[in-house]
Every structure is written in structure tokens, then in C-alpha cells.
Amino acid sequence: MSGLAIGDVLAVGDVVAERSIHLTRESLVRYAGASGDFNPIHYRDDVASAVGLPGVLAHGMLTMGIAVQTIVPWLGDAGRVLEYGVKFTRPVVVDPVAGADLTVVAKVGAVAEDAVRIDLTVTHGQTTVLGRAQVRVRP
């Protein structure tokens, strides 16, 4: 779902974009192939369990990429992204059958003449999985 257009007058708190994404174990395998990150905690339950994890985890960079991609249709050009950073706070466990559903909500966090800060809230169920997920974009 798309929110305000980049040319609109923006106010702090405006929702500019939101979407839900369903991840499967296949999603993780495809991302591993694209990124070269074949750490077995991302596809083997036995390895994840052996190192004390609650299950197979989505790649942090996959979660981060999904989050920022949410605003690209609103921006119209990914080249408008000036800076992006997150703090990884909670893992996304991807169930072998049910997968995992992520929800991303992008809100205006600050407006300046030279840039707009977009705050991304990424949740898995009731849990926020990224902290301080902020994108500075060129207006």
C-alpha cells in the first residue's frame, strides 16, 4: 500500500508506505544464493538449535533490505536514499511450514530542507525486529 507522494507536504508522523511480506525457507535459500551468506543457521534447524537459537533465522540483511524496499515505490527512485541504518534487535524465526510474516510501516520522522528522515517499524507478530531503522532521503 502506498501512502503520500514524495512531492506532497510532509509532516512528522505521516505514513508514507506500508506492506506485509511473507518469508519462507525458500526465501532464505534464494537470499543466501544472491548474497553468498550460506551460514547454516539460515537453513538448518539442527545447527540453529545447536547454537542456542529458537529456530532458523532470516538473514538480518534480508530483513533490512525488505524494510527499505518498502519506501522505494513512494520515492520513485532508490537513488533518493542518502543514508540508511538499523539496529538488529530481535531475530526473525522462519518456521519450516508457516514461514514468517513481516509488517513494515514507514513514517516521516523529521523534515528538513535538504532531507526527510523516514522511520521504519518492522514487526514479526507483535515483536519489533529492527530498532532505529531510519532512512534519510532527498526530497
N, C-alpha and C. Protein backbone atom coordinates (compact mmCIF):
# COMPACT_ATOMS: atom_id res chain seq x y z
N MET A 1 0.86 -1.17 0.00
CA MET A 1 0.00 0.00 0.00
C MET A 1 0.90 1.23 0.00
N SER A 2 0.62 2.16 -0.83
CA SER A 2 1.42 3.37 -0.93
C SER A 2 0.72 4.50 -0.21
N GLY A 3 1.51 5.38 0.41
CA GLY A 3 0.96 6.50 1.16
C GLY A 3 1.08 7.79 0.38
N LEU A 4 1.63 8.79 1.02
CA LEU A 4 1.80 10.10 0.40
C LEU A 4 2.79 10.04 -0.74
N ALA A 5 2.67 10.97 -1.67
CA ALA A 5 3.65 11.08 -2.75
C ALA A 5 4.81 11.92 -2.26
N ILE A 6 6.00 11.71 -2.81
CA ILE A 6 7.19 12.42 -2.37
C ILE A 6 7.03 13.93 -2.52
N GLY A 7 6.24 14.39 -3.46
CA GLY A 7 6.06 15.83 -3.66
C GLY A 7 5.06 16.46 -2.70
N ASP A 8 4.31 15.64 -1.95
CA ASP A 8 3.34 16.16 -1.00
C ASP A 8 4.04 16.88 0.14
N VAL A 9 3.31 17.76 0.81
CA VAL A 9 3.82 18.40 2.01
C VAL A 9 3.82 17.33 3.09
N LEU A 10 4.97 17.10 3.68
CA LEU A 10 5.11 16.03 4.66
C LEU A 10 5.14 16.59 6.07
N ALA A 11 4.52 15.86 6.97
CA ALA A 11 4.52 16.21 8.38
C ALA A 11 5.00 15.02 9.19
N VAL A 12 5.67 15.29 10.29
CA VAL A 12 6.14 14.22 11.17
C VAL A 12 4.93 13.37 11.57
N GLY A 13 5.11 12.06 11.43
CA GLY A 13 4.05 11.11 11.76
C GLY A 13 3.26 10.61 10.57
N ASP A 14 3.38 11.28 9.41
CA ASP A 14 2.69 10.81 8.21
C ASP A 14 3.19 9.42 7.82
N VAL A 15 2.26 8.52 7.53
CA VAL A 15 2.63 7.21 6.99
C VAL A 15 2.78 7.37 5.48
N VAL A 16 3.98 7.05 4.97
CA VAL A 16 4.23 7.20 3.54
C VAL A 16 4.15 5.87 2.79
N ALA A 17 4.31 4.77 3.51
CA ALA A 17 4.24 3.45 2.87
C ALA A 17 4.09 2.38 3.94
N GLU A 18 3.50 1.28 3.54
CA GLU A 18 3.44 0.11 4.42
C GLU A 18 3.20 -1.12 3.57
N ARG A 19 3.66 -2.26 4.08
CA ARG A 19 3.43 -3.52 3.38
C ARG A 19 3.70 -4.68 4.31
N SER A 20 3.18 -5.83 3.91
CA SER A 20 3.43 -7.08 4.61
C SER A 20 4.16 -8.01 3.66
N ILE A 21 5.08 -8.77 4.21
CA ILE A 21 5.90 -9.70 3.43
C ILE A 21 5.84 -11.07 4.10
N HIS A 22 5.64 -12.10 3.32
CA HIS A 22 5.67 -13.46 3.84
C HIS A 22 7.00 -14.10 3.43
N LEU A 23 7.78 -14.51 4.42
CA LEU A 23 9.04 -15.21 4.16
C LEU A 23 8.84 -16.70 4.35
N THR A 24 9.50 -17.46 3.50
CA THR A 24 9.51 -18.92 3.62
C THR A 24 10.96 -19.37 3.70
N ARG A 25 11.14 -20.64 3.96
CA ARG A 25 12.51 -21.18 3.94
C ARG A 25 13.09 -21.02 2.54
N GLU A 26 12.25 -21.12 1.52
CA GLU A 26 12.73 -20.92 0.15
C GLU A 26 13.25 -19.49 -0.02
N SER A 27 12.59 -18.53 0.59
CA SER A 27 13.06 -17.13 0.53
C SER A 27 14.49 -17.03 1.07
N LEU A 28 14.74 -17.75 2.16
CA LEU A 28 16.08 -17.71 2.77
C LEU A 28 17.12 -18.34 1.88
N VAL A 29 16.77 -19.44 1.24
CA VAL A 29 17.72 -20.11 0.32
C VAL A 29 18.02 -19.20 -0.86
N ARG A 30 16.99 -18.56 -1.40
CA ARG A 30 17.20 -17.65 -2.53
C ARG A 30 18.09 -16.47 -2.11
N TYR A 31 17.85 -15.93 -0.93
CA TYR A 31 18.67 -14.81 -0.46
C TYR A 31 20.11 -15.27 -0.23
N ALA A 32 20.27 -16.46 0.32
CA ALA A 32 21.63 -16.99 0.54
C ALA A 32 22.38 -17.08 -0.79
N GLY A 33 21.71 -17.54 -1.82
CA GLY A 33 22.34 -17.64 -3.13
C GLY A 33 22.72 -16.28 -3.69
N ALA A 34 21.85 -15.30 -3.49
CA ALA A 34 22.12 -13.96 -4.02
C ALA A 34 23.20 -13.25 -3.23
N SER A 35 23.24 -13.48 -1.92
CA SER A 35 24.17 -12.73 -1.06
C SER A 35 25.48 -13.47 -0.82
N GLY A 36 25.45 -14.78 -0.99
CA GLY A 36 26.63 -15.58 -0.67
C GLY A 36 26.73 -15.92 0.81
N ASP A 37 25.70 -15.61 1.59
CA ASP A 37 25.69 -15.90 3.03
C ASP A 37 25.04 -17.26 3.26
N PHE A 38 25.86 -18.29 3.31
CA PHE A 38 25.36 -19.65 3.48
C PHE A 38 25.55 -20.17 4.90
N ASN A 39 25.52 -19.29 5.87
CA ASN A 39 25.60 -19.71 7.26
C ASN A 39 24.43 -20.66 7.52
N PRO A 40 24.69 -21.86 8.04
CA PRO A 40 23.63 -22.85 8.20
C PRO A 40 22.54 -22.47 9.21
N ILE A 41 22.74 -21.44 10.01
CA ILE A 41 21.64 -21.02 10.91
C ILE A 41 20.47 -20.46 10.12
N HIS A 42 20.69 -20.20 8.84
CA HIS A 42 19.64 -19.66 7.98
C HIS A 42 18.89 -20.74 7.19
N TYR A 43 19.27 -22.02 7.38
CA TYR A 43 18.54 -23.05 6.66
C TYR A 43 18.53 -24.41 7.34
N ARG A 44 19.27 -24.59 8.43
CA ARG A 44 19.30 -25.91 9.10
C ARG A 44 18.84 -25.77 10.55
N ASP A 45 17.74 -26.44 10.86
CA ASP A 45 17.20 -26.41 12.22
C ASP A 45 18.18 -26.98 13.24
N ASP A 46 18.86 -28.07 12.89
CA ASP A 46 19.77 -28.71 13.84
C ASP A 46 20.93 -27.78 14.21
N VAL A 47 21.47 -27.05 13.26
CA VAL A 47 22.57 -26.12 13.53
C VAL A 47 22.06 -24.95 14.36
N ALA A 48 20.91 -24.40 13.99
CA ALA A 48 20.34 -23.28 14.75
C ALA A 48 20.12 -23.70 16.20
N SER A 49 19.57 -24.87 16.41
CA SER A 49 19.31 -25.38 17.76
C SER A 49 20.62 -25.61 18.52
N ALA A 50 21.61 -26.16 17.84
CA ALA A 50 22.89 -26.46 18.49
C ALA A 50 23.59 -25.21 19.01
N VAL A 51 23.35 -24.07 18.39
CA VAL A 51 23.99 -22.83 18.85
C VAL A 51 23.04 -22.00 19.72
N GLY A 52 21.93 -22.60 20.14
CA GLY A 52 21.04 -21.96 21.09
C GLY A 52 19.99 -21.03 20.51
N LEU A 53 19.77 -21.11 19.21
CA LEU A 53 18.75 -20.25 18.58
C LEU A 53 17.38 -20.93 18.64
N PRO A 54 16.31 -20.13 18.61
CA PRO A 54 14.97 -20.71 18.69
C PRO A 54 14.51 -21.37 17.39
N GLY A 55 15.29 -21.27 16.34
CA GLY A 55 14.96 -21.86 15.04
C GLY A 55 15.79 -21.21 13.97
N VAL A 56 15.51 -21.58 12.74
CA VAL A 56 16.20 -21.00 11.58
C VAL A 56 15.83 -19.52 11.49
N LEU A 57 16.83 -18.68 11.32
CA LEU A 57 16.62 -17.23 11.30
C LEU A 57 16.74 -16.66 9.89
N ALA A 58 15.92 -15.66 9.62
CA ALA A 58 16.08 -14.89 8.40
C ALA A 58 17.38 -14.10 8.51
N HIS A 59 18.05 -13.89 7.42
CA HIS A 59 19.26 -13.08 7.38
C HIS A 59 18.91 -11.65 7.83
N GLY A 60 19.74 -11.07 8.67
CA GLY A 60 19.50 -9.69 9.09
C GLY A 60 19.48 -8.73 7.93
N MET A 61 20.38 -8.93 6.98
CA MET A 61 20.43 -8.04 5.83
C MET A 61 19.22 -8.22 4.91
N LEU A 62 18.62 -9.41 4.91
CA LEU A 62 17.39 -9.61 4.15
C LEU A 62 16.28 -8.78 4.78
N THR A 63 16.16 -8.86 6.09
CA THR A 63 15.15 -8.09 6.80
C THR A 63 15.36 -6.59 6.58
N MET A 64 16.60 -6.17 6.64
CA MET A 64 16.94 -4.76 6.43
C MET A 64 16.57 -4.32 5.01
N GLY A 65 16.87 -5.17 4.03
CA GLY A 65 16.55 -4.84 2.64
C GLY A 65 15.06 -4.78 2.38
N ILE A 66 14.32 -5.72 2.96
CA ILE A 66 12.86 -5.71 2.83
C ILE A 66 12.30 -4.41 3.38
N ALA A 67 12.83 -4.00 4.52
CA ALA A 67 12.33 -2.78 5.17
C ALA A 67 12.51 -1.56 4.28
N VAL A 68 13.71 -1.32 3.79
CA VAL A 68 13.96 -0.11 2.99
C VAL A 68 13.26 -0.17 1.64
N GLN A 69 13.10 -1.37 1.08
CA GLN A 69 12.43 -1.50 -0.21
C GLN A 69 10.99 -1.02 -0.14
N THR A 70 10.42 -1.03 1.04
CA THR A 70 9.03 -0.59 1.24
C THR A 70 8.82 0.85 0.77
N ILE A 71 9.83 1.71 0.92
CA ILE A 71 9.64 3.12 0.55
C ILE A 71 10.02 3.44 -0.88
N VAL A 72 10.63 2.50 -1.60
CA VAL A 72 11.09 2.80 -2.96
C VAL A 72 9.95 3.20 -3.90
N PRO A 73 8.80 2.51 -3.89
CA PRO A 73 7.71 2.98 -4.76
C PRO A 73 7.28 4.42 -4.44
N TRP A 74 7.27 4.77 -3.18
CA TRP A 74 6.91 6.13 -2.77
C TRP A 74 7.97 7.12 -3.26
N LEU A 75 9.24 6.75 -3.12
CA LEU A 75 10.32 7.63 -3.57
C LEU A 75 10.34 7.78 -5.08
N GLY A 76 10.03 6.69 -5.79
CA GLY A 76 10.08 6.71 -7.24
C GLY A 76 11.47 6.45 -7.78
N ASP A 77 12.48 6.51 -6.93
CA ASP A 77 13.87 6.33 -7.36
C ASP A 77 14.69 5.99 -6.12
N ALA A 78 15.24 4.77 -6.09
CA ALA A 78 16.06 4.35 -4.95
C ALA A 78 17.28 5.24 -4.77
N GLY A 79 17.67 5.97 -5.81
CA GLY A 79 18.80 6.89 -5.73
C GLY A 79 18.54 8.08 -4.81
N ARG A 80 17.30 8.26 -4.37
CA ARG A 80 17.00 9.33 -3.42
C ARG A 80 17.42 8.99 -1.99
N VAL A 81 17.73 7.71 -1.76
CA VAL A 81 18.18 7.31 -0.42
C VAL A 81 19.59 7.85 -0.19
N LEU A 82 19.73 8.66 0.84
CA LEU A 82 21.02 9.25 1.17
C LEU A 82 21.77 8.44 2.22
N GLU A 83 21.03 7.87 3.16
CA GLU A 83 21.64 7.16 4.28
C GLU A 83 20.61 6.21 4.86
N TYR A 84 21.07 5.04 5.33
CA TYR A 84 20.16 4.07 5.91
C TYR A 84 20.90 3.29 6.98
N GLY A 85 20.27 3.12 8.12
CA GLY A 85 20.87 2.35 9.19
C GLY A 85 19.82 1.73 10.08
N VAL A 86 20.16 0.61 10.69
CA VAL A 86 19.26 -0.06 11.62
C VAL A 86 20.07 -0.63 12.77
N LYS A 87 19.36 -0.99 13.80
CA LYS A 87 19.94 -1.78 14.89
C LYS A 87 19.16 -3.09 14.89
N PHE A 88 19.86 -4.20 14.82
CA PHE A 88 19.19 -5.51 14.84
C PHE A 88 18.86 -5.84 16.29
N THR A 89 17.57 -5.94 16.59
CA THR A 89 17.15 -6.12 17.98
C THR A 89 16.56 -7.50 18.28
N ARG A 90 15.85 -8.09 17.34
CA ARG A 90 15.24 -9.40 17.54
C ARG A 90 15.35 -10.20 16.25
N PRO A 91 15.60 -11.51 16.38
CA PRO A 91 15.68 -12.33 15.17
C PRO A 91 14.30 -12.64 14.61
N VAL A 92 14.26 -12.92 13.33
CA VAL A 92 13.03 -13.38 12.67
C VAL A 92 13.17 -14.88 12.46
N VAL A 93 12.42 -15.65 13.25
CA VAL A 93 12.44 -17.10 13.12
C VAL A 93 11.47 -17.48 12.01
N VAL A 94 11.98 -18.27 11.05
CA VAL A 94 11.16 -18.68 9.91
C VAL A 94 10.81 -20.15 10.08
N ASP A 95 9.55 -20.38 10.40
CA ASP A 95 9.04 -21.73 10.64
C ASP A 95 9.10 -22.53 9.34
N PRO A 96 9.44 -23.84 9.40
CA PRO A 96 9.55 -24.63 8.16
C PRO A 96 8.23 -24.77 7.41
N VAL A 97 7.11 -24.68 8.11
CA VAL A 97 5.80 -24.82 7.46
C VAL A 97 5.11 -23.46 7.32
N ALA A 98 4.99 -22.74 8.41
CA ALA A 98 4.22 -21.48 8.42
C ALA A 98 5.01 -20.30 7.88
N GLY A 99 6.32 -20.40 7.83
CA GLY A 99 7.14 -19.26 7.40
C GLY A 99 7.13 -18.17 8.45
N ALA A 100 7.22 -16.93 8.01
CA ALA A 100 7.21 -15.78 8.91
C ALA A 100 6.63 -14.59 8.17
N ASP A 101 5.79 -13.85 8.84
CA ASP A 101 5.20 -12.65 8.24
C ASP A 101 5.81 -11.42 8.88
N LEU A 102 6.28 -10.51 8.02
CA LEU A 102 6.82 -9.23 8.47
C LEU A 102 5.88 -8.12 8.02
N THR A 103 5.74 -7.12 8.86
CA THR A 103 4.99 -5.93 8.51
C THR A 103 5.92 -4.74 8.63
N VAL A 104 5.91 -3.88 7.62
CA VAL A 104 6.75 -2.69 7.61
C VAL A 104 5.84 -1.47 7.48
N VAL A 105 6.04 -0.51 8.39
CA VAL A 105 5.33 0.76 8.32
C VAL A 105 6.39 1.86 8.27
N ALA A 106 6.27 2.74 7.28
CA ALA A 106 7.23 3.84 7.08
C ALA A 106 6.54 5.16 7.40
N LYS A 107 7.08 5.87 8.40
CA LYS A 107 6.51 7.15 8.81
C LYS A 107 7.56 8.24 8.73
N VAL A 108 7.11 9.44 8.47
CA VAL A 108 8.01 10.59 8.48
C VAL A 108 8.45 10.83 9.92
N GLY A 109 9.77 10.85 10.12
CA GLY A 109 10.33 11.08 11.46
C GLY A 109 10.82 12.50 11.64
N ALA A 110 11.26 13.13 10.56
CA ALA A 110 11.75 14.51 10.60
C ALA A 110 11.77 15.06 9.19
N VAL A 111 11.54 16.36 9.09
CA VAL A 111 11.55 17.03 7.78
C VAL A 111 12.50 18.21 7.86
N ALA A 112 13.45 18.25 6.92
CA ALA A 112 14.37 19.37 6.79
C ALA A 112 14.38 19.78 5.33
N GLU A 113 14.97 20.90 5.04
CA GLU A 113 15.00 21.38 3.67
C GLU A 113 15.79 20.45 2.75
N ASP A 114 16.87 19.87 3.27
CA ASP A 114 17.75 19.05 2.44
C ASP A 114 17.47 17.55 2.50
N ALA A 115 16.66 17.10 3.49
CA ALA A 115 16.41 15.66 3.62
C ALA A 115 15.17 15.42 4.48
N VAL A 116 14.59 14.26 4.28
CA VAL A 116 13.47 13.79 5.09
C VAL A 116 13.93 12.49 5.75
N ARG A 117 13.68 12.39 7.05
CA ARG A 117 14.00 11.13 7.73
C ARG A 117 12.73 10.29 7.81
N ILE A 118 12.85 9.06 7.33
CA ILE A 118 11.75 8.10 7.38
C ILE A 118 12.11 7.06 8.43
N ASP A 119 11.21 6.86 9.37
CA ASP A 119 11.39 5.85 10.41
C ASP A 119 10.61 4.60 10.01
N LEU A 120 11.30 3.47 9.99
CA LEU A 120 10.69 2.21 9.60
C LEU A 120 10.43 1.36 10.85
N THR A 121 9.21 0.88 10.98
CA THR A 121 8.89 -0.05 12.05
C THR A 121 8.65 -1.40 11.39
N VAL A 122 9.45 -2.39 11.79
CA VAL A 122 9.37 -3.72 11.20
C VAL A 122 8.98 -4.69 12.31
N THR A 123 7.84 -5.36 12.13
CA THR A 123 7.37 -6.27 13.16
C THR A 123 7.18 -7.68 12.59
N HIS A 124 7.36 -8.63 13.48
CA HIS A 124 7.10 -10.05 13.21
C HIS A 124 6.16 -10.47 14.32
N GLY A 125 4.89 -10.63 13.99
CA GLY A 125 3.88 -10.84 15.03
C GLY A 125 3.76 -9.54 15.82
N GLN A 126 3.91 -9.64 17.12
CA GLN A 126 3.83 -8.46 17.98
C GLN A 126 5.22 -7.92 18.33
N THR A 127 6.27 -8.49 17.75
CA THR A 127 7.64 -8.15 18.10
C THR A 127 8.27 -7.23 17.07
N THR A 128 8.84 -6.13 17.53
CA THR A 128 9.61 -5.25 16.65
C THR A 128 10.99 -5.86 16.48
N VAL A 129 11.41 -6.05 15.22
CA VAL A 129 12.65 -6.78 14.96
C VAL A 129 13.83 -5.89 14.56
N LEU A 130 13.56 -4.66 14.19
CA LEU A 130 14.64 -3.72 13.90
C LEU A 130 14.43 -2.49 14.78
N GLY A 131 15.51 -2.01 15.36
CA GLY A 131 15.44 -0.79 16.15
C GLY A 131 16.14 0.33 15.39
N ARG A 132 15.73 1.54 15.62
CA ARG A 132 16.31 2.71 14.98
C ARG A 132 16.50 2.50 13.48
N ALA A 133 15.50 1.95 12.84
CA ALA A 133 15.55 1.78 11.38
C ALA A 133 15.16 3.12 10.76
N GLN A 134 16.17 3.85 10.29
CA GLN A 134 15.95 5.18 9.78
C GLN A 134 16.61 5.35 8.41
N VAL A 135 15.86 6.03 7.54
CA VAL A 135 16.33 6.29 6.18
C VAL A 135 16.28 7.80 5.96
N ARG A 136 17.40 8.37 5.55
CA ARG A 136 17.40 9.78 5.13
C ARG A 136 17.25 9.79 3.62
N VAL A 137 16.26 10.55 3.15
CA VAL A 137 16.00 10.60 1.70
C VAL A 137 16.02 12.04 1.22
N ARG A 138 16.39 12.18 -0.02
CA ARG A 138 16.38 13.51 -0.69
C ARG A 138 14.95 13.82 -1.08
N PRO A 139 14.46 15.02 -0.72
CA PRO A 139 13.08 15.36 -1.08
C PRO A 139 12.90 15.60 -2.57
